[in-house]
PDB file of all heavy atoms in Angstrom:
ATOM      1  N   GLY A   1       3.415   3.797  13.889  1.00  0.00           N
ATOM      2  CA  GLY A   1       3.231   3.303  12.539  1.00  0.00           C
ATOM      3  C   GLY A   1       3.356   4.420  11.522  1.00  0.00           C
ATOM      4  O   GLY A   1       3.548   5.583  11.887  1.00  0.00           O
ATOM      5  N   VAL A   2       3.225   4.062  10.263  1.00  0.00           N
ATOM      6  CA  VAL A   2       3.154   5.048   9.194  1.00  0.00           C
ATOM      7  C   VAL A   2       1.682   5.372   8.970  1.00  0.00           C
ATOM      8  O   VAL A   2       0.871   4.467   8.750  1.00  0.00           O
ATOM      9  CB  VAL A   2       3.801   4.525   7.897  1.00  0.00           C
ATOM     10  CG1 VAL A   2       3.660   5.567   6.783  1.00  0.00           C
ATOM     11  CG2 VAL A   2       5.261   4.177   8.138  1.00  0.00           C
ATOM     12  N   TYR A   3       1.368   6.635   9.047  1.00  0.00           N
ATOM     13  CA  TYR A   3      -0.015   7.100   8.902  1.00  0.00           C
ATOM     14  C   TYR A   3      -0.204   7.684   7.500  1.00  0.00           C
ATOM     15  O   TYR A   3       0.551   8.568   7.083  1.00  0.00           O
ATOM     16  CB  TYR A   3      -0.345   8.143   9.961  1.00  0.00           C
ATOM     17  CG  TYR A   3      -0.604   7.546  11.323  1.00  0.00           C
ATOM     18  CD1 TYR A   3       0.425   6.951  12.052  1.00  0.00           C
ATOM     19  CD2 TYR A   3      -1.882   7.542  11.877  1.00  0.00           C
ATOM     20  CE1 TYR A   3       0.184   6.376  13.297  1.00  0.00           C
ATOM     21  CE2 TYR A   3      -2.128   6.977  13.122  1.00  0.00           C
ATOM     22  CZ  TYR A   3      -1.093   6.397  13.821  1.00  0.00           C
ATOM     23  OH  TYR A   3      -1.337   5.828  15.051  1.00  0.00           O
ATOM     24  N   HIS A   4      -1.233   7.177   6.831  1.00  0.00           N
ATOM     25  CA  HIS A   4      -1.583   7.636   5.492  1.00  0.00           C
ATOM     26  C   HIS A   4      -2.992   8.223   5.519  1.00  0.00           C
ATOM     27  O   HIS A   4      -3.862   7.703   6.226  1.00  0.00           O
ATOM     28  CB  HIS A   4      -1.601   6.486   4.497  1.00  0.00           C
ATOM     29  CG  HIS A   4      -0.301   5.791   4.297  1.00  0.00           C
ATOM     30  ND1 HIS A   4       0.576   6.117   3.274  1.00  0.00           N
ATOM     31  CD2 HIS A   4       0.285   4.782   4.988  1.00  0.00           C
ATOM     32  CE1 HIS A   4       1.629   5.329   3.344  1.00  0.00           C
ATOM     33  NE2 HIS A   4       1.485   4.509   4.376  1.00  0.00           N
ATOM     34  N   CYS A   5      -3.201   9.272   4.729  1.00  0.00           N
ATOM     35  CA  CYS A   5      -4.572   9.684   4.477  1.00  0.00           C
ATOM     36  C   CYS A   5      -4.950   9.233   3.064  1.00  0.00           C
ATOM     37  O   CYS A   5      -4.087   9.024   2.204  1.00  0.00           O
ATOM     38  CB  CYS A   5      -4.772  11.186   4.645  1.00  0.00           C
ATOM     39  SG  CYS A   5      -3.868  12.238   3.501  1.00  0.00           S
ATOM     40  N   ALA A   6      -6.249   9.071   2.860  1.00  0.00           N
ATOM     41  CA  ALA A   6      -6.749   8.588   1.586  1.00  0.00           C
ATOM     42  C   ALA A   6      -8.089   9.244   1.290  1.00  0.00           C
ATOM     43  O   ALA A   6      -8.821   9.620   2.215  1.00  0.00           O
ATOM     44  CB  ALA A   6      -6.893   7.071   1.616  1.00  0.00           C
ATOM     45  N   ALA A   7      -8.404   9.370   0.022  1.00  0.00           N
ATOM     46  CA  ALA A   7      -9.644  10.002  -0.408  1.00  0.00           C
ATOM     47  C   ALA A   7     -10.503   9.010  -1.181  1.00  0.00           C
ATOM     48  O   ALA A   7      -9.992   8.203  -1.976  1.00  0.00           O
ATOM     49  CB  ALA A   7      -9.334  11.217  -1.276  1.00  0.00           C
ATOM     50  N   ARG A   8     -11.804   9.102  -0.939  1.00  0.00           N
ATOM     51  CA  ARG A   8     -12.772   8.212  -1.578  1.00  0.00           C
ATOM     52  C   ARG A   8     -13.812   9.088  -2.275  1.00  0.00           C
ATOM     53  O   ARG A   8     -14.480   9.896  -1.627  1.00  0.00           O
ATOM     54  CB  ARG A   8     -13.435   7.341  -0.516  1.00  0.00           C
ATOM     55  CG  ARG A   8     -14.519   6.407  -1.006  1.00  0.00           C
ATOM     56  CD  ARG A   8     -15.058   5.602   0.172  1.00  0.00           C
ATOM     57  NE  ARG A   8     -16.019   4.594  -0.221  1.00  0.00           N
ATOM     58  CZ  ARG A   8     -17.338   4.785  -0.268  1.00  0.00           C
ATOM     59  NH1 ARG A   8     -17.844   5.956   0.058  1.00  0.00           N
ATOM     60  NH2 ARG A   8     -18.141   3.805  -0.637  1.00  0.00           N
ATOM     61  N   ALA A   9     -13.935   8.908  -3.567  1.00  0.00           N
ATOM     62  CA  ALA A   9     -14.889   9.710  -4.321  1.00  0.00           C
ATOM     63  C   ALA A   9     -16.319   9.427  -3.853  1.00  0.00           C
ATOM     64  O   ALA A   9     -16.633   8.314  -3.437  1.00  0.00           O
ATOM     65  CB  ALA A   9     -14.750   9.419  -5.805  1.00  0.00           C
ATOM     66  N   TYR A  10     -17.159  10.430  -3.966  1.00  0.00           N
ATOM     67  CA  TYR A  10     -18.559  10.310  -3.556  1.00  0.00           C
ATOM     68  C   TYR A  10     -19.239   9.160  -4.283  1.00  0.00           C
ATOM     69  O   TYR A  10     -19.136   9.022  -5.497  1.00  0.00           O
ATOM     70  CB  TYR A  10     -19.277  11.631  -3.860  1.00  0.00           C
ATOM     71  CG  TYR A  10     -20.760  11.607  -3.604  1.00  0.00           C
ATOM     72  CD1 TYR A  10     -21.245  11.587  -2.296  1.00  0.00           C
ATOM     73  CD2 TYR A  10     -21.676  11.613  -4.651  1.00  0.00           C
ATOM     74  CE1 TYR A  10     -22.607  11.573  -2.054  1.00  0.00           C
ATOM     75  CE2 TYR A  10     -23.024  11.607  -4.413  1.00  0.00           C
ATOM     76  CZ  TYR A  10     -23.493  11.582  -3.107  1.00  0.00           C
ATOM     77  OH  TYR A  10     -24.836  11.567  -2.869  1.00  0.00           O
ATOM     78  N   ARG A  11     -19.952   8.326  -3.521  1.00  0.00           N
ATOM     79  CA  ARG A  11     -20.633   7.178  -4.111  1.00  0.00           C
ATOM     80  C   ARG A  11     -22.092   7.084  -3.697  1.00  0.00           C
ATOM     81  O   ARG A  11     -22.678   6.007  -3.716  1.00  0.00           O
ATOM     82  CB  ARG A  11     -19.907   5.888  -3.746  1.00  0.00           C
ATOM     83  CG  ARG A  11     -18.572   5.671  -4.450  1.00  0.00           C
ATOM     84  CD  ARG A  11     -17.947   4.349  -4.034  1.00  0.00           C
ATOM     85  NE  ARG A  11     -16.726   3.981  -4.686  1.00  0.00           N
ATOM     86  CZ  ARG A  11     -15.527   4.470  -4.446  1.00  0.00           C
ATOM     87  NH1 ARG A  11     -15.395   5.422  -3.568  1.00  0.00           N
ATOM     88  NH2 ARG A  11     -14.463   4.036  -5.077  1.00  0.00           N
ATOM     89  N   GLY A  12     -22.667   8.196  -3.283  1.00  0.00           N
ATOM     90  CA  GLY A  12     -24.108   8.168  -3.074  1.00  0.00           C
ATOM     91  C   GLY A  12     -24.587   8.591  -1.709  1.00  0.00           C
ATOM     92  O   GLY A  12     -25.779   8.806  -1.528  1.00  0.00           O
ATOM     93  N   SER A  13     -23.706   8.730  -0.721  1.00  0.00           N
ATOM     94  CA  SER A  13     -24.155   9.179   0.590  1.00  0.00           C
ATOM     95  C   SER A  13     -23.102  10.084   1.223  1.00  0.00           C
ATOM     96  O   SER A  13     -21.920   9.776   1.208  1.00  0.00           O
ATOM     97  CB  SER A  13     -24.416   7.993   1.525  1.00  0.00           C
ATOM     98  OG  SER A  13     -24.751   8.470   2.821  1.00  0.00           O
ATOM     99  N   HIS A  14     -23.587  11.197   1.760  1.00  0.00           N
ATOM    100  CA  HIS A  14     -22.715  12.089   2.520  1.00  0.00           C
ATOM    101  C   HIS A  14     -22.740  11.763   4.008  1.00  0.00           C
ATOM    102  O   HIS A  14     -22.118  12.467   4.800  1.00  0.00           O
ATOM    103  CB  HIS A  14     -23.180  13.537   2.345  1.00  0.00           C
ATOM    104  CG  HIS A  14     -23.019  14.049   0.948  1.00  0.00           C
ATOM    105  ND1 HIS A  14     -21.794  14.137   0.315  1.00  0.00           N
ATOM    106  CD2 HIS A  14     -23.920  14.516   0.067  1.00  0.00           C
ATOM    107  CE1 HIS A  14     -21.968  14.642  -0.897  1.00  0.00           C
ATOM    108  NE2 HIS A  14     -23.248  14.878  -1.083  1.00  0.00           N
ATOM    109  N   TYR A  15     -23.494  10.712   4.396  1.00  0.00           N
ATOM    110  CA  TYR A  15     -23.774  10.487   5.812  1.00  0.00           C
ATOM    111  C   TYR A  15     -23.133   9.220   6.364  1.00  0.00           C
ATOM    112  O   TYR A  15     -23.490   8.750   7.442  1.00  0.00           O
ATOM    113  CB  TYR A  15     -25.289  10.479   6.033  1.00  0.00           C
ATOM    114  CG  TYR A  15     -25.891  11.810   5.665  1.00  0.00           C
ATOM    115  CD1 TYR A  15     -26.492  12.002   4.413  1.00  0.00           C
ATOM    116  CD2 TYR A  15     -25.814  12.885   6.538  1.00  0.00           C
ATOM    117  CE1 TYR A  15     -27.002  13.241   4.063  1.00  0.00           C
ATOM    118  CE2 TYR A  15     -26.334  14.121   6.196  1.00  0.00           C
ATOM    119  CZ  TYR A  15     -26.924  14.294   4.962  1.00  0.00           C
ATOM    120  OH  TYR A  15     -27.428  15.511   4.619  1.00  0.00           O
ATOM    121  N   VAL A  16     -22.194   8.686   5.632  1.00  0.00           N
ATOM    122  CA  VAL A  16     -21.475   7.514   6.116  1.00  0.00           C
ATOM    123  C   VAL A  16     -20.081   7.533   5.508  1.00  0.00           C
ATOM    124  O   VAL A  16     -19.887   8.012   4.397  1.00  0.00           O
ATOM    125  CB  VAL A  16     -22.229   6.215   5.747  1.00  0.00           C
ATOM    126  CG1 VAL A  16     -22.293   6.027   4.240  1.00  0.00           C
ATOM    127  CG2 VAL A  16     -21.593   5.016   6.417  1.00  0.00           C
ATOM    128  N   CYS A  17     -19.100   7.052   6.262  1.00  0.00           N
ATOM    129  CA  CYS A  17     -17.765   6.850   5.696  1.00  0.00           C
ATOM    130  C   CYS A  17     -17.269   5.479   6.150  1.00  0.00           C
ATOM    131  O   CYS A  17     -17.797   4.897   7.102  1.00  0.00           O
ATOM    132  CB  CYS A  17     -16.798   7.958   6.116  1.00  0.00           C
ATOM    133  SG  CYS A  17     -16.411   8.031   7.873  1.00  0.00           S
ATOM    134  N   TYR A  18     -16.260   4.990   5.459  1.00  0.00           N
ATOM    135  CA  TYR A  18     -15.789   3.633   5.672  1.00  0.00           C
ATOM    136  C   TYR A  18     -14.308   3.630   6.002  1.00  0.00           C
ATOM    137  O   TYR A  18     -13.554   4.481   5.541  1.00  0.00           O
ATOM    138  CB  TYR A  18     -16.061   2.786   4.428  1.00  0.00           C
ATOM    139  CG  TYR A  18     -17.524   2.716   4.077  1.00  0.00           C
ATOM    140  CD1 TYR A  18     -18.078   3.598   3.152  1.00  0.00           C
ATOM    141  CD2 TYR A  18     -18.363   1.804   4.703  1.00  0.00           C
ATOM    142  CE1 TYR A  18     -19.433   3.556   2.847  1.00  0.00           C
ATOM    143  CE2 TYR A  18     -19.711   1.760   4.404  1.00  0.00           C
ATOM    144  CZ  TYR A  18     -20.242   2.632   3.480  1.00  0.00           C
ATOM    145  OH  TYR A  18     -21.573   2.598   3.192  1.00  0.00           O
ATOM    146  N   ARG A  19     -13.887   2.674   6.778  1.00  0.00           N
ATOM    147  CA  ARG A  19     -12.481   2.575   7.182  1.00  0.00           C
ATOM    148  C   ARG A  19     -11.789   1.386   6.528  1.00  0.00           C
ATOM    149  O   ARG A  19     -10.750   0.957   7.003  1.00  0.00           O
ATOM    150  CB  ARG A  19     -12.386   2.503   8.703  1.00  0.00           C
ATOM    151  CG  ARG A  19     -12.785   3.808   9.392  1.00  0.00           C
ATOM    152  CD  ARG A  19     -12.601   3.723  10.899  1.00  0.00           C
ATOM    153  NE  ARG A  19     -13.597   2.889  11.530  1.00  0.00           N
ATOM    154  CZ  ARG A  19     -13.379   1.657  11.987  1.00  0.00           C
ATOM    155  NH1 ARG A  19     -12.198   1.106  11.862  1.00  0.00           N
ATOM    156  NH2 ARG A  19     -14.348   0.983  12.572  1.00  0.00           N
ATOM    157  N   SER A  20     -12.323   0.891   5.438  1.00  0.00           N
ATOM    158  CA  SER A  20     -11.688  -0.197   4.709  1.00  0.00           C
ATOM    159  C   SER A  20     -10.836   0.392   3.595  1.00  0.00           C
ATOM    160  O   SER A  20     -11.316   1.189   2.780  1.00  0.00           O
ATOM    161  CB  SER A  20     -12.752  -1.106   4.103  1.00  0.00           C
ATOM    162  OG  SER A  20     -12.153  -2.039   3.230  1.00  0.00           O
ATOM    163  N   GLU A  21      -9.578  -0.014   3.532  1.00  0.00           N
ATOM    164  CA  GLU A  21      -8.674   0.602   2.556  1.00  0.00           C
ATOM    165  C   GLU A  21      -9.107   0.333   1.127  1.00  0.00           C
ATOM    166  O   GLU A  21      -8.824   1.145   0.235  1.00  0.00           O
ATOM    167  CB  GLU A  21      -7.238   0.151   2.792  1.00  0.00           C
ATOM    168  CG  GLU A  21      -6.968  -1.320   2.608  1.00  0.00           C
ATOM    169  CD  GLU A  21      -5.485  -1.626   2.758  1.00  0.00           C
ATOM    170  OE1 GLU A  21      -4.678  -1.070   2.013  1.00  0.00           O
ATOM    171  OE2 GLU A  21      -5.141  -2.448   3.629  1.00  0.00           O
ATOM    172  N   SER A  22      -9.812  -0.760   0.887  1.00  0.00           N
ATOM    173  CA  SER A  22     -10.235  -1.084  -0.475  1.00  0.00           C
ATOM    174  C   SER A  22     -11.273  -0.097  -1.008  1.00  0.00           C
ATOM    175  O   SER A  22     -11.531  -0.052  -2.203  1.00  0.00           O
ATOM    176  CB  SER A  22     -10.774  -2.501  -0.538  1.00  0.00           C
ATOM    177  OG  SER A  22     -11.926  -2.629   0.276  1.00  0.00           O
ATOM    178  N   ASP A  23     -11.877   0.689  -0.129  1.00  0.00           N
ATOM    179  CA  ASP A  23     -12.883   1.661  -0.549  1.00  0.00           C
ATOM    180  C   ASP A  23     -12.262   2.960  -1.070  1.00  0.00           C
ATOM    181  O   ASP A  23     -12.967   3.793  -1.618  1.00  0.00           O
ATOM    182  CB  ASP A  23     -13.816   2.017   0.620  1.00  0.00           C
ATOM    183  CG  ASP A  23     -14.794   0.891   0.917  1.00  0.00           C
ATOM    184  OD1 ASP A  23     -15.396   0.372  -0.037  1.00  0.00           O
ATOM    185  OD2 ASP A  23     -14.940   0.537   2.102  1.00  0.00           O
ATOM    186  N   TYR A  24     -10.963   3.149  -0.883  1.00  0.00           N
ATOM    187  CA  TYR A  24     -10.339   4.441  -1.161  1.00  0.00           C
ATOM    188  C   TYR A  24      -9.580   4.452  -2.470  1.00  0.00           C
ATOM    189  O   TYR A  24      -8.984   3.451  -2.884  1.00  0.00           O
ATOM    190  CB  TYR A  24      -9.444   4.852   0.023  1.00  0.00           C
ATOM    191  CG  TYR A  24     -10.296   5.291   1.186  1.00  0.00           C
ATOM    192  CD1 TYR A  24     -10.919   4.350   2.005  1.00  0.00           C
ATOM    193  CD2 TYR A  24     -10.549   6.640   1.421  1.00  0.00           C
ATOM    194  CE1 TYR A  24     -11.756   4.751   3.040  1.00  0.00           C
ATOM    195  CE2 TYR A  24     -11.371   7.043   2.460  1.00  0.00           C
ATOM    196  CZ  TYR A  24     -11.974   6.096   3.266  1.00  0.00           C
ATOM    197  OH  TYR A  24     -12.809   6.490   4.286  1.00  0.00           O
ATOM    198  N   ASP A  25      -9.637   5.625  -3.114  1.00  0.00           N
ATOM    199  CA  ASP A  25      -9.135   5.754  -4.476  1.00  0.00           C
ATOM    200  C   ASP A  25      -7.766   6.409  -4.568  1.00  0.00           C
ATOM    201  O   ASP A  25      -6.992   6.107  -5.475  1.00  0.00           O
ATOM    202  CB  ASP A  25     -10.130   6.598  -5.299  1.00  0.00           C
ATOM    203  CG  ASP A  25     -11.549   6.056  -5.222  1.00  0.00           C
ATOM    204  OD1 ASP A  25     -11.731   4.868  -5.566  1.00  0.00           O
ATOM    205  OD2 ASP A  25     -12.466   6.816  -4.827  1.00  0.00           O
ATOM    206  N   TYR A  26      -7.473   7.341  -3.669  1.00  0.00           N
ATOM    207  CA  TYR A  26      -6.244   8.122  -3.754  1.00  0.00           C
ATOM    208  C   TYR A  26      -5.560   8.115  -2.389  1.00  0.00           C
ATOM    209  O   TYR A  26      -6.225   8.241  -1.360  1.00  0.00           O
ATOM    210  CB  TYR A  26      -6.556   9.572  -4.185  1.00  0.00           C
ATOM    211  CG  TYR A  26      -7.378   9.660  -5.432  1.00  0.00           C
ATOM    212  CD1 TYR A  26      -8.750   9.898  -5.362  1.00  0.00           C
ATOM    213  CD2 TYR A  26      -6.799   9.478  -6.679  1.00  0.00           C
ATOM    214  CE1 TYR A  26      -9.518   9.959  -6.506  1.00  0.00           C
ATOM    215  CE2 TYR A  26      -7.561   9.538  -7.830  1.00  0.00           C
ATOM    216  CZ  TYR A  26      -8.913   9.769  -7.743  1.00  0.00           C
ATOM    217  OH  TYR A  26      -9.671   9.826  -8.871  1.00  0.00           O
ATOM    218  N   TRP A  27      -4.238   8.022  -2.424  1.00  0.00           N
ATOM    219  CA  TRP A  27      -3.468   7.861  -1.186  1.00  0.00           C
ATOM    220  C   TRP A  27      -2.304   8.851  -1.142  1.00  0.00           C
ATOM    221  O   TRP A  27      -1.677   9.143  -2.167  1.00  0.00           O
ATOM    222  CB  TRP A  27      -2.908   6.442  -1.101  1.00  0.00           C
ATOM    223  CG  TRP A  27      -3.973   5.425  -0.884  1.00  0.00           C
ATOM    224  CD1 TRP A  27      -4.802   4.884  -1.826  1.00  0.00           C
ATOM    225  CD2 TRP A  27      -4.355   4.842   0.356  1.00  0.00           C
ATOM    226  NE1 TRP A  27      -5.670   3.993  -1.245  1.00  0.00           N
ATOM    227  CE2 TRP A  27      -5.418   3.947   0.091  1.00  0.00           C
ATOM    228  CE3 TRP A  27      -3.894   4.971   1.663  1.00  0.00           C
ATOM    229  CZ2 TRP A  27      -6.025   3.194   1.099  1.00  0.00           C
ATOM    230  CZ3 TRP A  27      -4.490   4.227   2.661  1.00  0.00           C
ATOM    231  CH2 TRP A  27      -5.554   3.352   2.377  1.00  0.00           C
ATOM    232  N   GLY A  28      -1.991   9.296   0.081  1.00  0.00           N
ATOM    233  CA  GLY A  28      -0.786  10.062   0.307  1.00  0.00           C
ATOM    234  C   GLY A  28       0.393   9.144   0.581  1.00  0.00           C
ATOM    235  O   GLY A  28       0.242   7.924   0.703  1.00  0.00           O
ATOM    236  N   GLN A  29       1.553   9.748   0.740  1.00  0.00           N
ATOM    237  CA  GLN A  29       2.782   8.957   0.866  1.00  0.00           C
ATOM    238  C   GLN A  29       3.039   8.506   2.298  1.00  0.00           C
ATOM    239  O   GLN A  29       3.853   7.618   2.530  1.00  0.00           O
ATOM    240  CB  GLN A  29       3.993   9.767   0.372  1.00  0.00           C
ATOM    241  CG  GLN A  29       4.591  10.738   1.387  1.00  0.00           C
ATOM    242  CD  GLN A  29       3.706  11.931   1.688  1.00  0.00           C
ATOM    243  OE1 GLN A  29       2.728  12.200   1.001  1.00  0.00           O
ATOM    244  NE2 GLN A  29       4.047  12.685   2.738  1.00  0.00           N
ATOM    245  N   GLY A  30       2.368   9.116   3.258  1.00  0.00           N
ATOM    246  CA  GLY A  30       2.486   8.693   4.653  1.00  0.00           C
ATOM    247  C   GLY A  30       3.435   9.546   5.477  1.00  0.00           C
ATOM    248  O   GLY A  30       4.323  10.209   4.946  1.00  0.00           O
ATOM    249  N   THR A  31       3.204   9.514   6.781  1.00  0.00           N
ATOM    250  CA  THR A  31       4.078  10.194   7.736  1.00  0.00           C
ATOM    251  C   THR A  31       4.298   9.265   8.930  1.00  0.00           C
ATOM    252  O   THR A  31       3.364   8.618   9.397  1.00  0.00           O
ATOM    253  CB  THR A  31       3.480  11.547   8.168  1.00  0.00           C
ATOM    254  OG1 THR A  31       4.413  12.257   8.988  1.00  0.00           O
ATOM    255  CG2 THR A  31       2.154  11.401   8.909  1.00  0.00           C
ATOM    256  N   GLN A  32       5.530   9.199   9.412  1.00  0.00           N
ATOM    257  CA  GLN A  32       5.888   8.257  10.476  1.00  0.00           C
ATOM    258  C   GLN A  32       5.520   8.840  11.831  1.00  0.00           C
ATOM    259  O   GLN A  32       5.847   9.990  12.148  1.00  0.00           O
ATOM    260  CB  GLN A  32       7.389   7.958  10.441  1.00  0.00           C
ATOM    261  CG  GLN A  32       7.877   7.064  11.569  1.00  0.00           C
ATOM    262  CD  GLN A  32       7.387   5.633  11.440  1.00  0.00           C
ATOM    263  OE1 GLN A  32       7.434   5.045  10.358  1.00  0.00           O
ATOM    264  NE2 GLN A  32       6.916   5.057  12.559  1.00  0.00           N
ATOM    265  N   VAL A  33       4.851   8.020  12.625  1.00  0.00           N
ATOM    266  CA  VAL A  33       4.546   8.360  14.017  1.00  0.00           C
ATOM    267  C   VAL A  33       5.180   7.302  14.903  1.00  0.00           C
ATOM    268  O   VAL A  33       4.948   6.107  14.705  1.00  0.00           O
ATOM    269  CB  VAL A  33       3.019   8.402  14.250  1.00  0.00           C
ATOM    270  CG1 VAL A  33       2.698   8.535  15.739  1.00  0.00           C
ATOM    271  CG2 VAL A  33       2.397   9.547  13.465  1.00  0.00           C
ATOM    272  N   THR A  34       5.995   7.735  15.852  1.00  0.00           N
ATOM    273  CA  THR A  34       6.668   6.821  16.761  1.00  0.00           C
ATOM    274  C   THR A  34       6.393   7.264  18.191  1.00  0.00           C
ATOM    275  O   THR A  34       6.660   8.412  18.557  1.00  0.00           O
ATOM    276  CB  THR A  34       8.178   6.793  16.520  1.00  0.00           C
ATOM    277  OG1 THR A  34       8.441   6.442  15.162  1.00  0.00           O
ATOM    278  CG2 THR A  34       8.854   5.782  17.445  1.00  0.00           C
TER     279      THR A  34
END
């Protein structure tokens, strides 16, 4: 697939992260993995 990284601004906890794309604010262009 195409792999993208994304950044999510701090929203109150350093001790949890989320894997829902709607939570993320900034995205890279992606890199293809086959």
